[in-house]
Each structure stands twice: as C-alpha cells, then as structure tokens.
C-alpha cells in the first residue's frame, strides 16, 4: 500500500479542498452549541472535513 506523503498540514488541506472534501467555516459560531451541531450533522452525513 502506498502512503500519501505531505510536506505539511497546508499540503494536506489543499488536497482535501481540491477533492471537495474540506469545508471552510468562516462565519462566527458559538463554540459551545453551534460548532457541536455543525460537526455532528456533518459527521452523520459522511463529511466533508471542517476547518473552523
């Protein structure tokens, strides 16, 4: 099995974004309630990765 290699986190995030597997959350959220709900709904739907 070939392992994917990344130089840094930026490389990995760029690849996820190119593949449509990364969603950037740019609006301010309440860290106690809204982020939890967003993450839960996204996880249950099968992704994508979230960058807050």
PDB file of N, CA and C in Angstrom:
ATOM      1  N   UNK A   1       0.844  -1.164   0.000  1.00  0.00           N
ATOM      2  CA  UNK A   1       0.000   0.000   0.000  1.00  0.00           C
ATOM      3  C   UNK A   1       0.895   1.234   0.000  1.00  0.00           C
ATOM      4  N   UNK A   2       0.638   2.159  -0.918  1.00  0.00           N
ATOM      5  CA  UNK A   2       1.398   3.398  -0.992  1.00  0.00           C
ATOM      6  C   UNK A   2       0.808   4.416  -0.030  1.00  0.00           C
ATOM      7  N   UNK A   3       1.663   4.963   0.817  1.00  0.00           N
ATOM      8  CA  UNK A   3       1.213   6.001   1.746  1.00  0.00           C
ATOM      9  C   UNK A   3       1.317   7.355   1.065  1.00  0.00           C
ATOM     10  N   UNK A   4       0.314   8.186   1.270  1.00  0.00           N
ATOM     11  CA  UNK A   4       0.362   9.536   0.726  1.00  0.00           C
ATOM     12  C   UNK A   4       1.295  10.348   1.606  1.00  0.00           C
ATOM     13  N   UNK A   5       2.093  11.197   0.977  1.00  0.00           N
ATOM     14  CA  UNK A   5       3.041  11.999   1.736  1.00  0.00           C
ATOM     15  C   UNK A   5       2.742  13.469   1.519  1.00  0.00           C
ATOM     16  N   UNK A   6       2.773  14.185   2.598  1.00  0.00           N
ATOM     17  CA  UNK A   6       2.520  15.621   2.577  1.00  0.00           C
ATOM     18  C   UNK A   6       3.694  16.308   3.255  1.00  0.00           C
ATOM     19  N   UNK A   7       4.046  17.470   2.752  1.00  0.00           N
ATOM     20  CA  UNK A   7       5.138  18.219   3.365  1.00  0.00           C
ATOM     21  C   UNK A   7       4.696  18.877   4.664  1.00  0.00           C
ATOM     22  N   UNK A   8       3.440  19.270   4.721  1.00  0.00           N
ATOM     23  CA  UNK A   8       2.917  19.920   5.918  1.00  0.00           C
ATOM     24  C   UNK A   8       1.394  19.874   5.893  1.00  0.00           C
ATOM     25  N   UNK A   9       0.800  20.416   6.924  1.00  0.00           N
ATOM     26  CA  UNK A   9      -0.659  20.417   7.029  1.00  0.00           C
ATOM     27  C   UNK A   9      -1.292  21.184   5.878  1.00  0.00           C
ATOM     28  N   UNK A  10      -0.634  22.242   5.431  1.00  0.00           N
ATOM     29  CA  UNK A  10      -1.159  23.041   4.315  1.00  0.00           C
ATOM     30  C   UNK A  10      -1.318  22.178   3.065  1.00  0.00           C
ATOM     31  N   UNK A  11      -0.343  21.309   2.772  1.00  0.00           N
ATOM     32  CA  UNK A  11      -0.441  20.407   1.618  1.00  0.00           C
ATOM     33  C   UNK A  11      -1.659  19.489   1.743  1.00  0.00           C
ATOM     34  N   UNK A  12      -1.854  18.939   2.931  1.00  0.00           N
ATOM     35  CA  UNK A  12      -2.971  18.034   3.162  1.00  0.00           C
ATOM     36  C   UNK A  12      -4.309  18.757   3.004  1.00  0.00           C
ATOM     37  N   UNK A  13      -4.419  19.957   3.577  1.00  0.00           N
ATOM     38  CA  UNK A  13      -5.656  20.726   3.461  1.00  0.00           C
ATOM     39  C   UNK A  13      -5.928  21.129   2.018  1.00  0.00           C
ATOM     40  N   UNK A  14      -4.886  21.468   1.278  1.00  0.00           N
ATOM     41  CA  UNK A  14      -5.043  21.821  -0.136  1.00  0.00           C
ATOM     42  C   UNK A  14      -5.595  20.638  -0.920  1.00  0.00           C
ATOM     43  N   UNK A  15      -5.070  19.452  -0.677  1.00  0.00           N
ATOM     44  CA  UNK A  15      -5.560  18.253  -1.362  1.00  0.00           C
ATOM     45  C   UNK A  15      -7.026  17.992  -1.018  1.00  0.00           C
ATOM     46  N   UNK A  16      -7.370  18.080   0.258  1.00  0.00           N
ATOM     47  CA  UNK A  16      -8.768  17.885   0.648  1.00  0.00           C
ATOM     48  C   UNK A  16      -9.674  18.880  -0.057  1.00  0.00           C
ATOM     49  N   UNK A  17      -9.246  20.133  -0.125  1.00  0.00           N
ATOM     50  CA  UNK A  17     -10.064  21.164  -0.760  1.00  0.00           C
ATOM     51  C   UNK A  17     -10.222  20.896  -2.252  1.00  0.00           C
ATOM     52  N   UNK A  18      -9.161  20.476  -2.922  1.00  0.00           N
ATOM     53  CA  UNK A  18      -9.224  20.177  -4.355  1.00  0.00           C
ATOM     54  C   UNK A  18     -10.179  19.021  -4.633  1.00  0.00           C
ATOM     55  N   UNK A  19     -10.279  18.098  -3.703  1.00  0.00           N
ATOM     56  CA  UNK A  19     -11.147  16.932  -3.876  1.00  0.00           C
ATOM     57  C   UNK A  19     -12.569  17.183  -3.369  1.00  0.00           C
ATOM     58  N   UNK A  20     -12.831  18.395  -2.908  1.00  0.00           N
ATOM     59  CA  UNK A  20     -14.156  18.707  -2.387  1.00  0.00           C
ATOM     60  C   UNK A  20     -14.439  18.078  -1.038  1.00  0.00           C
ATOM     61  N   UNK A  21     -13.391  17.721  -0.313  1.00  0.00           N
ATOM     62  CA  UNK A  21     -13.538  17.042   0.972  1.00  0.00           C
ATOM     63  C   UNK A  21     -13.246  17.953   2.158  1.00  0.00           C
ATOM     64  N   UNK A  22     -13.215  19.269   1.924  1.00  0.00           N
ATOM     65  CA  UNK A  22     -12.951  20.218   3.003  1.00  0.00           C
ATOM     66  C   UNK A  22     -13.931  21.371   2.903  1.00  0.00           C
ATOM     67  N   UNK A  23     -14.548  21.706   4.008  1.00  0.00           N
ATOM     68  CA  UNK A  23     -15.467  22.840   4.068  1.00  0.00           C
ATOM     69  C   UNK A  23     -14.906  23.841   5.064  1.00  0.00           C
ATOM     70  N   UNK A  24     -14.656  25.054   4.583  1.00  0.00           N
ATOM     71  CA  UNK A  24     -14.160  26.115   5.464  1.00  0.00           C
ATOM     72  C   UNK A  24     -15.358  26.844   6.060  1.00  0.00           C
ATOM     73  N   UNK A  25     -15.389  26.930   7.368  1.00  0.00           N
ATOM     74  CA  UNK A  25     -16.440  27.644   8.085  1.00  0.00           C
ATOM     75  C   UNK A  25     -15.869  29.011   8.447  1.00  0.00           C
ATOM     76  N   UNK A  26     -16.416  30.067   7.837  1.00  0.00           N
ATOM     77  CA  UNK A  26     -15.856  31.401   8.041  1.00  0.00           C
ATOM     78  C   UNK A  26     -16.747  32.304   8.877  1.00  0.00           C
ATOM     79  N   UNK A  27     -17.965  31.901   9.126  1.00  0.00           N
ATOM     80  CA  UNK A  27     -18.860  32.708   9.945  1.00  0.00           C
ATOM     81  C   UNK A  27     -18.579  32.460  11.423  1.00  0.00           C
ATOM     82  N   UNK A  28     -18.747  33.477  12.257  1.00  0.00           N
ATOM     83  CA  UNK A  28     -18.526  33.255  13.695  1.00  0.00           C
ATOM     84  C   UNK A  28     -19.610  32.338  14.266  1.00  0.00           C
ATOM     85  N   UNK A  29     -19.194  31.356  15.042  1.00  0.00           N
ATOM     86  CA  UNK A  29     -20.122  30.414  15.666  1.00  0.00           C
ATOM     87  C   UNK A  29     -19.929  30.432  17.169  1.00  0.00           C
ATOM     88  N   UNK A  30     -20.976  30.042  17.869  1.00  0.00           N
ATOM     89  CA  UNK A  30     -20.890  29.854  19.310  1.00  0.00           C
ATOM     90  C   UNK A  30     -20.129  28.552  19.547  1.00  0.00           C
ATOM     91  N   UNK A  31     -18.997  28.601  20.235  1.00  0.00           N
ATOM     92  CA  UNK A  31     -18.187  27.389  20.395  1.00  0.00           C
ATOM     93  C   UNK A  31     -18.857  26.298  21.220  1.00  0.00           C
ATOM     94  N   UNK A  32     -19.866  26.637  22.001  1.00  0.00           N
ATOM     95  CA  UNK A  32     -20.485  25.628  22.862  1.00  0.00           C
ATOM     96  C   UNK A  32     -21.640  24.896  22.192  1.00  0.00           C
ATOM     97  N   UNK A  33     -22.375  25.567  21.336  1.00  0.00           N
ATOM     98  CA  UNK A  33     -23.564  24.938  20.760  1.00  0.00           C
ATOM     99  C   UNK A  33     -23.496  24.785  19.253  1.00  0.00           C
ATOM    100  N   UNK A  34     -23.210  25.842  18.549  1.00  0.00           N
ATOM    101  CA  UNK A  34     -23.301  25.803  17.092  1.00  0.00           C
ATOM    102  C   UNK A  34     -22.228  24.923  16.463  1.00  0.00           C
ATOM    103  N   UNK A  35     -20.988  25.024  16.913  1.00  0.00           N
ATOM    104  CA  UNK A  35     -19.924  24.211  16.324  1.00  0.00           C
ATOM    105  C   UNK A  35     -20.211  22.728  16.552  1.00  0.00           C
ATOM    106  N   UNK A  36     -20.692  22.390  17.740  1.00  0.00           N
ATOM    107  CA  UNK A  36     -21.029  20.994  18.031  1.00  0.00           C
ATOM    108  C   UNK A  36     -22.107  20.490  17.083  1.00  0.00           C
ATOM    109  N   UNK A  37     -23.123  21.285  16.861  1.00  0.00           N
ATOM    110  CA  UNK A  37     -24.218  20.883  15.968  1.00  0.00           C
ATOM    111  C   UNK A  37     -23.743  20.763  14.523  1.00  0.00           C
ATOM    112  N   UNK A  38     -22.952  21.718  14.067  1.00  0.00           N
ATOM    113  CA  UNK A  38     -22.421  21.675  12.696  1.00  0.00           C
ATOM    114  C   UNK A  38     -21.571  20.423  12.506  1.00  0.00           C
ATOM    115  N   UNK A  39     -20.678  20.157  13.457  1.00  0.00           N
ATOM    116  CA  UNK A  39     -19.805  18.982  13.354  1.00  0.00           C
ATOM    117  C   UNK A  39     -20.615  17.689  13.394  1.00  0.00           C
ATOM    118  N   UNK A  40     -21.605  17.614  14.264  1.00  0.00           N
ATOM    119  CA  UNK A  40     -22.430  16.410  14.375  1.00  0.00           C
ATOM    120  C   UNK A  40     -23.194  16.139  13.085  1.00  0.00           C
ATOM    121  N   UNK A  41     -23.834  17.156  12.538  1.00  0.00           N
ATOM    122  CA  UNK A  41     -24.587  16.975  11.287  1.00  0.00           C
ATOM    123  C   UNK A  41     -23.668  16.579  10.135  1.00  0.00           C
ATOM    124  N   UNK A  42     -22.496  17.197  10.079  1.00  0.00           N
ATOM    125  CA  UNK A  42     -21.550  16.887   9.006  1.00  0.00           C
ATOM    126  C   UNK A  42     -21.047  15.455   9.125  1.00  0.00           C
ATOM    127  N   UNK A  43     -20.715  15.031  10.338  1.00  0.00           N
ATOM    128  CA  UNK A  43     -20.247  13.666  10.563  1.00  0.00           C
ATOM    129  C   UNK A  43     -21.320  12.650  10.184  1.00  0.00           C
ATOM    130  N   UNK A  44     -22.545  12.882  10.597  1.00  0.00           N
ATOM    131  CA  UNK A  44     -23.640  11.954  10.286  1.00  0.00           C
ATOM    132  C   UNK A  44     -23.919  11.873   8.782  1.00  0.00           C
ATOM    133  N   UNK A  45     -23.636  12.957   8.070  1.00  0.00           N
ATOM    134  CA  UNK A  45     -23.855  12.982   6.620  1.00  0.00           C
ATOM    135  C   UNK A  45     -22.664  12.418   5.845  1.00  0.00           C
ATOM    136  N   UNK A  46     -21.583  12.055   6.537  1.00  0.00           N
ATOM    137  CA  UNK A  46     -20.437  11.453   5.863  1.00  0.00           C
ATOM    138  C   UNK A  46     -19.387  12.446   5.403  1.00  0.00           C
ATOM    139  N   UNK A  47     -19.331  13.602   6.005  1.00  0.00           N
ATOM    140  CA  UNK A  47     -18.258  14.546   5.662  1.00  0.00           C
ATOM    141  C   UNK A  47     -18.805  15.762   4.981  1.00  0.00           C
ATOM    142  N   UNK A  48     -18.006  16.642   4.576  1.00  0.00           N
ATOM    143  CA  UNK A  48     -16.553  16.679   4.450  1.00  0.00           C
ATOM    144  C   UNK A  48     -15.871  17.093   5.758  1.00  0.00           C
ATOM    145  N   UNK A  49     -14.534  17.171   5.706  1.00  0.00           N
ATOM    146  CA  UNK A  49     -13.772  17.689   6.840  1.00  0.00           C
ATOM    147  C   UNK A  49     -14.125  19.159   7.026  1.00  0.00           C
ATOM    148  N   UNK A  50     -14.075  19.623   8.270  1.00  0.00           N
ATOM    149  CA  UNK A  50     -14.395  21.020   8.558  1.00  0.00           C
ATOM    150  C   UNK A  50     -13.143  21.751   9.024  1.00  0.00           C
ATOM    151  N   UNK A  51     -12.983  22.967   8.549  1.00  0.00           N
ATOM    152  CA  UNK A  51     -11.897  23.830   9.002  1.00  0.00           C
ATOM    153  C   UNK A  51     -12.547  25.076   9.568  1.00  0.00           C
ATOM    154  N   UNK A  52     -12.442  25.234  10.870  1.00  0.00           N
ATOM    155  CA  UNK A  52     -13.091  26.360  11.548  1.00  0.00           C
ATOM    156  C   UNK A  52     -12.100  27.468  11.804  1.00  0.00           C
TER     157      UNK A  52
END
